[in-house]
C-alpha cells in the first residue's frame, strides 16, 4: 500500500481521474 501513502505522479493521477470519470476545472484540456 505504498502507492496509497506516496504522492502519485501527475500522469498517474490524471489516468486515475479519467478512469473514475472525474472532471476537474484544473484538468489540462
C-alpha atoms as a PDB file:
ATOM      1  CA  UNK A   1       0.000   0.000   0.000  1.00  0.00           C
ATOM      2  CA  UNK A   2       2.989   2.241  -0.577  1.00  0.00           C
ATOM      3  CA  UNK A   3       1.377   3.907  -3.572  1.00  0.00           C
ATOM      4  CA  UNK A   4      -1.502   4.988  -1.336  1.00  0.00           C
ATOM      5  CA  UNK A   5       0.776   6.832   1.067  1.00  0.00           C
ATOM      6  CA  UNK A   6       3.149   8.210  -1.549  1.00  0.00           C
ATOM      7  CA  UNK A   7       2.190  11.142  -3.809  1.00  0.00           C
ATOM      8  CA  UNK A   8       1.169   9.898  -7.252  1.00  0.00           C
ATOM      9  CA  UNK A   9       2.841  11.238 -10.405  1.00  0.00           C
ATOM     10  CA  UNK A  10       0.692  13.769 -12.254  1.00  0.00           C
ATOM     11  CA  UNK A  11       0.252  11.389 -15.188  1.00  0.00           C
ATOM     12  CA  UNK A  12      -0.843   8.577 -12.891  1.00  0.00           C
ATOM     13  CA  UNK A  13      -3.223  10.881 -11.066  1.00  0.00           C
ATOM     14  CA  UNK A  14      -4.626  12.049 -14.399  1.00  0.00           C
ATOM     15  CA  UNK A  15      -5.199   8.468 -15.543  1.00  0.00           C
ATOM     16  CA  UNK A  16      -6.893   7.581 -12.278  1.00  0.00           C
ATOM     17  CA  UNK A  17      -9.211  10.579 -12.515  1.00  0.00           C
ATOM     18  CA  UNK A  18     -10.018   9.653 -16.121  1.00  0.00           C
ATOM     19  CA  UNK A  19     -10.981   6.115 -15.126  1.00  0.00           C
ATOM     20  CA  UNK A  20     -13.139   7.454 -12.315  1.00  0.00           C
ATOM     21  CA  UNK A  21     -14.772   9.869 -14.727  1.00  0.00           C
ATOM     22  CA  UNK A  22     -13.819  12.831 -12.577  1.00  0.00           C
ATOM     23  CA  UNK A  23     -13.812  16.156 -14.389  1.00  0.00           C
ATOM     24  CA  UNK A  24     -11.849  18.912 -12.655  1.00  0.00           C
ATOM     25  CA  UNK A  25     -11.524  22.556 -13.660  1.00  0.00           C
ATOM     26  CA  UNK A  26      -7.776  22.236 -13.060  1.00  0.00           C
ATOM     27  CA  UNK A  27      -7.517  19.375 -15.557  1.00  0.00           C
ATOM     28  CA  UNK A  28      -5.430  20.453 -18.581  1.00  0.00           C
ATOM     29  CA  UNK A  29      -7.543  20.376 -21.712  1.00  0.00           C
END
